[in-house]
Amino acid sequence: MHSTSQQSHSDSALQKQQMTPQHCAALLDDQLVAKALQQQIRPVTPWHAQGIVFEHCVVPALHLTGDSLDYFMLPDGRLFLYLADVSGSGTAAALISILLKGIVQEFVASHLDDATAAQLTPAALLIYLNTRLLSYGSDRHVTLICMIVDTEHAVLQWSVAGHLPSPILYTQGRARFLTGQGQPVGLFEQAVFNNEQMPLPEAFSLSLFSDGVFDVMPEQHLITSEAALPKLITTAKGDYAAAVECLGLANCSNMPDDIAMLVLSRNLA
């Protein structure tokens, strides 16, 4: 064990010695190309569907990010969305985030007919994601929020996989966290995920964040930062642009963690 450790250390030191300025420049170029690709596979923002507006921003800590999000219409007309945070950062986390998008699309594609469409729920997706990620044997896990918006029946359904902060619902001038908890995907074979459900308000916004948002808040502790988020959303009146301004997300850089924000809204005053 000790000799193997010494050899690994020697190999690492040798690699650093062999890293020329040309190598560094090539690596940087590669990272920038990958960053552009990550941006291209994200959904359009803003996106309008069935009277609901979807808006998002992603601020990478490095060039690449392990935070990811997506939203689109399911074959049965419901609206699907998720926001995910891969453990760690950089290239490995970015690869897992891209893999995540592919697994989600794979799961949706297996529920195209009327007989299976009803089985497509947030919790069912998280169970599938957990199984697939465990099968790869990666040392990375993922926390995420998955939601389905059914505008025809005015129902919001969601499931949480170990993610903080919880989604924030703003309606009738007040903001509050939605309930729900569960284990991250990619950690435990017997992880349990539950579907939460509520009537969809006529006028509302839903704000989802990765935990990197706490790094741009003035509070000193996680618990106080988390408690301050609904107050911030209330001050912004649930509006995406106002929340971005309150948090300073348009101008922040060199952050210690990736930051992702997704807001969907309808009929805000």
Protein backbone atom coordinates (compact mmCIF):
# COMPACT_ATOMS: atom_id res chain seq x y z
CA MET A 1 0.00 0.00 0.00
CA HIS A 2 2.76 2.46 0.94
CA SER A 3 4.87 1.73 -2.14
CA THR A 4 1.81 2.10 -4.39
CA SER A 5 1.08 5.47 -2.79
CA GLN A 6 4.67 6.58 -3.35
CA GLN A 7 4.50 5.48 -6.99
CA SER A 8 1.21 7.38 -7.54
CA HIS A 9 2.74 10.48 -5.97
CA SER A 10 5.82 10.16 -8.20
CA ASP A 11 3.66 9.70 -11.30
CA SER A 12 1.60 12.78 -10.38
CA ALA A 13 4.72 14.86 -9.81
CA LEU A 14 6.14 13.70 -13.15
CA GLN A 15 2.94 14.66 -14.93
CA LYS A 16 3.08 18.15 -13.41
CA GLN A 17 6.70 18.53 -14.50
CA GLN A 18 5.75 17.50 -18.04
CA MET A 19 2.83 19.97 -18.25
CA THR A 20 4.10 22.60 -20.65
CA PRO A 21 2.43 25.97 -21.36
CA GLN A 22 1.18 24.43 -24.60
CA HIS A 23 -0.46 21.61 -22.64
CA CYS A 24 -2.11 24.10 -20.29
CA ALA A 25 -3.40 26.15 -23.22
CA ALA A 26 -4.79 23.03 -24.90
CA LEU A 27 -6.54 21.98 -21.69
CA LEU A 28 -8.06 25.44 -21.30
CA ASP A 29 -9.29 25.41 -24.91
CA ASP A 30 -10.81 21.99 -24.31
CA GLN A 31 -12.59 23.22 -21.18
CA LEU A 32 -13.99 26.25 -23.00
CA VAL A 33 -15.32 24.11 -25.85
CA ALA A 34 -16.96 21.77 -23.32
CA LYS A 35 -18.43 24.80 -21.52
CA ALA A 36 -20.03 25.98 -24.75
CA LEU A 37 -21.45 22.49 -25.34
CA GLN A 38 -22.95 22.44 -21.84
CA GLN A 39 -24.62 25.78 -22.53
CA GLN A 40 -26.02 24.54 -25.84
CA ILE A 41 -27.73 21.49 -24.37
CA ARG A 42 -29.57 23.53 -21.75
CA PRO A 43 -33.16 24.44 -22.61
CA VAL A 44 -34.11 27.79 -24.08
CA THR A 45 -34.73 30.59 -21.57
CA PRO A 46 -37.28 32.00 -21.31
CA TRP A 47 -39.60 29.23 -22.50
CA HIS A 48 -43.38 29.68 -22.65
CA ALA A 49 -45.69 26.69 -22.45
CA GLN A 50 -49.38 26.49 -21.52
CA GLY A 51 -49.33 29.95 -19.96
CA ILE A 52 -46.28 29.18 -17.80
CA VAL A 53 -42.90 30.88 -18.21
CA PHE A 54 -39.69 28.95 -17.50
CA GLU A 55 -36.50 30.97 -16.85
CA HIS A 56 -33.09 29.87 -15.62
CA CYS A 57 -29.45 30.76 -15.12
CA VAL A 58 -26.36 28.67 -14.31
CA VAL A 59 -23.14 30.13 -12.85
CA PRO A 60 -20.24 27.61 -12.98
CA ALA A 61 -17.59 27.68 -10.27
CA LEU A 62 -15.09 26.52 -12.90
CA HIS A 63 -15.56 26.41 -16.66
CA LEU A 64 -17.70 23.28 -16.38
CA THR A 65 -20.52 22.69 -13.93
CA GLY A 66 -22.14 19.77 -12.17
CA ASP A 67 -25.37 21.72 -11.78
CA SER A 68 -27.91 20.93 -14.47
CA LEU A 69 -31.55 21.52 -15.28
CA ASP A 70 -34.06 20.76 -17.98
CA TYR A 71 -37.71 21.30 -18.79
CA PHE A 72 -39.93 20.16 -21.64
CA MET A 73 -43.40 18.88 -22.51
CA LEU A 74 -44.13 15.21 -21.96
CA PRO A 75 -45.91 13.20 -24.68
CA ASP A 76 -49.19 13.39 -22.72
CA GLY A 77 -49.02 17.20 -22.50
CA ARG A 78 -47.81 17.58 -18.93
CA LEU A 79 -44.79 19.81 -18.28
CA PHE A 80 -41.68 18.19 -16.82
CA LEU A 81 -38.71 19.82 -15.10
CA TYR A 82 -35.77 19.04 -12.88
CA LEU A 83 -32.84 20.80 -11.24
CA ALA A 84 -29.87 18.66 -10.21
CA ASP A 85 -26.59 19.11 -8.35
CA VAL A 86 -23.84 16.53 -8.87
CA SER A 87 -21.43 16.06 -5.98
CA GLY A 88 -18.07 17.71 -6.52
CA SER A 89 -17.32 20.06 -9.40
CA GLY A 90 -15.39 20.30 -12.64
CA THR A 91 -15.11 17.80 -15.48
CA ALA A 92 -16.25 14.64 -13.67
CA ALA A 93 -19.35 16.35 -12.26
CA ALA A 94 -20.11 17.87 -15.67
CA LEU A 95 -19.97 14.44 -17.33
CA ILE A 96 -22.40 13.03 -14.78
CA SER A 97 -24.77 15.96 -15.36
CA ILE A 98 -24.79 15.23 -19.10
CA LEU A 99 -25.30 11.53 -18.41
CA LEU A 100 -28.22 12.48 -16.18
CA LYS A 101 -29.93 14.31 -19.03
CA GLY A 102 -29.60 11.24 -21.25
CA ILE A 103 -31.04 8.91 -18.59
CA VAL A 104 -34.03 11.22 -18.10
CA GLN A 105 -34.72 11.24 -21.84
CA GLU A 106 -34.38 7.46 -21.92
CA PHE A 107 -36.95 7.10 -19.13
CA VAL A 108 -39.41 9.47 -20.81
CA ALA A 109 -39.02 7.58 -24.11
CA SER A 110 -40.12 4.37 -22.37
CA HIS A 111 -43.45 5.98 -21.35
CA LEU A 112 -44.79 7.22 -24.67
CA ASP A 113 -48.08 5.32 -24.94
CA ASP A 114 -51.27 6.00 -23.00
CA ALA A 115 -50.88 2.83 -20.92
CA THR A 116 -47.51 3.86 -19.47
CA ALA A 117 -47.77 7.67 -19.47
CA ALA A 118 -49.56 7.71 -16.10
CA GLN A 119 -46.68 5.73 -14.60
CA LEU A 120 -44.29 8.58 -15.36
CA THR A 121 -44.12 10.33 -12.01
CA PRO A 122 -41.28 12.26 -10.34
CA ALA A 123 -40.66 9.48 -7.81
CA ALA A 124 -40.62 6.81 -10.54
CA LEU A 125 -37.99 8.79 -12.41
CA LEU A 126 -35.83 9.13 -9.30
CA ILE A 127 -36.00 5.38 -8.70
CA TYR A 128 -34.87 4.79 -12.28
CA LEU A 129 -32.08 7.37 -12.02
CA ASN A 130 -30.85 5.79 -8.81
CA THR A 131 -30.69 2.33 -10.38
CA ARG A 132 -28.92 3.55 -13.51
CA LEU A 133 -26.34 5.69 -11.69
CA LEU A 134 -25.50 2.87 -9.29
CA SER A 135 -24.93 0.56 -12.26
CA TYR A 136 -22.09 2.80 -13.49
CA GLY A 137 -20.16 2.44 -10.23
CA SER A 138 -19.34 6.14 -10.09
CA ASP A 139 -18.23 7.72 -6.83
CA ARG A 140 -20.52 10.69 -7.56
CA HIS A 141 -24.06 11.10 -6.30
CA VAL A 142 -26.73 13.58 -7.31
CA THR A 143 -29.27 15.61 -5.39
CA LEU A 144 -32.22 16.89 -7.37
CA ILE A 145 -35.77 18.12 -7.48
CA CYS A 146 -38.08 16.65 -10.10
CA MET A 147 -41.51 18.14 -10.90
CA ILE A 148 -44.46 17.58 -13.21
CA VAL A 149 -46.94 20.38 -13.89
CA ASP A 150 -50.37 19.27 -15.08
CA THR A 151 -52.13 22.43 -16.24
CA GLU A 152 -55.17 20.52 -17.55
CA HIS A 153 -56.01 19.19 -14.10
CA ALA A 154 -54.31 22.04 -12.19
CA VAL A 155 -52.00 19.71 -10.26
CA LEU A 156 -48.35 20.06 -9.26
CA GLN A 157 -46.47 16.86 -8.44
CA TRP A 158 -42.88 16.65 -7.24
CA SER A 159 -40.25 14.49 -5.55
CA VAL A 160 -37.04 15.45 -3.76
CA ALA A 161 -33.78 13.49 -3.71
CA GLY A 162 -31.70 14.87 -0.84
CA HIS A 163 -31.73 18.38 -2.30
CA LEU A 164 -31.30 21.71 -0.52
CA PRO A 165 -32.81 24.21 -0.65
CA SER A 166 -36.36 22.95 -1.09
CA PRO A 167 -38.51 24.46 -3.87
CA ILE A 168 -40.09 27.79 -2.94
CA LEU A 169 -43.71 28.46 -3.88
CA TYR A 170 -44.80 32.10 -4.14
CA THR A 171 -48.53 32.79 -4.35
CA GLN A 172 -50.92 35.41 -2.97
CA GLY A 173 -48.02 37.58 -1.85
CA ARG A 174 -46.33 34.95 0.31
CA ALA A 175 -43.47 32.47 -0.23
CA ARG A 176 -42.92 29.14 1.47
CA PHE A 177 -40.88 25.99 1.09
CA LEU A 178 -42.59 22.95 -0.35
CA THR A 179 -42.40 19.75 1.67
CA GLY A 180 -40.55 16.61 0.66
CA GLN A 181 -37.36 14.76 1.40
CA GLY A 182 -35.44 11.75 0.17
CA GLN A 183 -31.96 10.38 -0.31
CA PRO A 184 -29.65 11.46 -3.14
CA VAL A 185 -29.61 9.26 -6.24
CA GLY A 186 -26.54 7.13 -6.86
CA LEU A 187 -25.77 6.31 -3.22
CA PHE A 188 -28.12 3.62 -1.86
CA GLU A 189 -29.73 0.67 -3.62
CA GLN A 190 -32.81 0.77 -1.39
CA ALA A 191 -33.38 4.53 -1.57
CA VAL A 192 -37.03 5.55 -1.19
CA PHE A 193 -38.62 8.45 -3.07
CA ASN A 194 -42.13 9.82 -2.57
CA ASN A 195 -44.49 11.82 -4.75
CA GLU A 196 -45.80 15.02 -3.20
CA GLN A 197 -48.82 16.72 -4.74
CA MET A 198 -50.88 19.89 -4.44
CA PRO A 199 -53.40 21.93 -6.46
CA LEU A 200 -51.67 24.29 -8.88
CA PRO A 201 -52.50 27.93 -8.04
CA GLU A 202 -53.84 30.16 -10.79
CA ALA A 203 -51.13 32.75 -10.08
CA PHE A 204 -47.77 31.58 -8.74
CA SER A 205 -44.05 31.20 -9.14
CA LEU A 206 -41.83 28.26 -8.21
CA SER A 207 -38.14 28.90 -7.53
CA LEU A 208 -35.57 26.10 -7.51
CA PHE A 209 -31.91 26.55 -6.58
CA SER A 210 -28.76 24.50 -6.14
CA ASP A 211 -27.04 24.92 -2.78
CA GLY A 212 -24.40 27.17 -4.34
CA VAL A 213 -26.91 30.01 -3.93
CA PHE A 214 -26.02 30.14 -0.24
CA ASP A 215 -22.56 31.44 -1.22
CA VAL A 216 -24.04 34.69 -2.55
CA MET A 217 -26.23 35.35 0.48
CA PRO A 218 -25.04 37.61 3.33
CA GLU A 219 -26.10 35.27 6.14
CA GLN A 220 -23.23 33.50 7.90
CA HIS A 221 -24.80 30.09 8.45
CA LEU A 222 -26.64 27.58 6.27
CA ILE A 223 -29.74 27.52 8.43
CA THR A 224 -30.12 31.32 8.38
CA SER A 225 -29.35 31.50 4.64
CA GLU A 226 -32.00 28.89 3.94
CA ALA A 227 -34.56 30.68 6.10
CA ALA A 228 -33.85 33.95 4.26
CA LEU A 229 -34.64 32.56 0.79
CA PRO A 230 -38.46 32.73 1.04
CA LYS A 231 -38.14 36.31 2.31
CA LEU A 232 -35.98 37.16 -0.69
CA ILE A 233 -38.52 35.61 -3.08
CA THR A 234 -41.30 37.55 -1.36
CA THR A 235 -39.31 40.78 -1.79
CA ALA A 236 -38.87 39.91 -5.48
CA LYS A 237 -42.62 39.13 -5.70
CA GLY A 238 -41.74 35.79 -7.22
CA ASP A 239 -40.22 37.44 -10.27
CA TYR A 240 -37.19 35.76 -11.87
CA ALA A 241 -35.37 38.95 -12.93
CA ALA A 242 -35.93 40.60 -9.56
CA ALA A 243 -34.59 37.52 -7.73
CA VAL A 244 -31.51 37.42 -9.98
CA GLU A 245 -30.87 41.08 -9.13
CA CYS A 246 -31.39 40.54 -5.40
CA LEU A 247 -28.88 37.68 -5.44
CA GLY A 248 -26.42 39.42 -7.76
CA LEU A 249 -26.26 36.38 -10.04
CA ALA A 250 -25.79 38.41 -13.21
CA ASN A 251 -22.36 39.63 -12.11
CA CYS A 252 -20.94 36.97 -9.79
CA SER A 253 -17.86 34.96 -10.77
CA ASN A 254 -15.11 32.84 -9.20
CA MET A 255 -17.60 31.31 -6.80
CA PRO A 256 -16.62 28.35 -4.57
CA ASP A 257 -19.55 26.27 -5.86
CA ASP A 258 -21.75 26.07 -8.95
CA ILE A 259 -25.04 27.99 -8.79
CA ALA A 260 -28.20 27.06 -10.68
CA MET A 261 -31.57 28.80 -10.50
CA LEU A 262 -34.83 27.85 -12.22
CA VAL A 263 -38.09 29.78 -11.91
CA LEU A 264 -41.44 28.93 -13.44
CA SER A 265 -44.29 31.40 -13.11
CA ARG A 266 -47.81 32.19 -14.23
CA ASN A 267 -50.00 35.26 -13.92
CA LEU A 268 -47.70 37.20 -11.59
CA ALA A 269 -49.03 40.70 -10.89
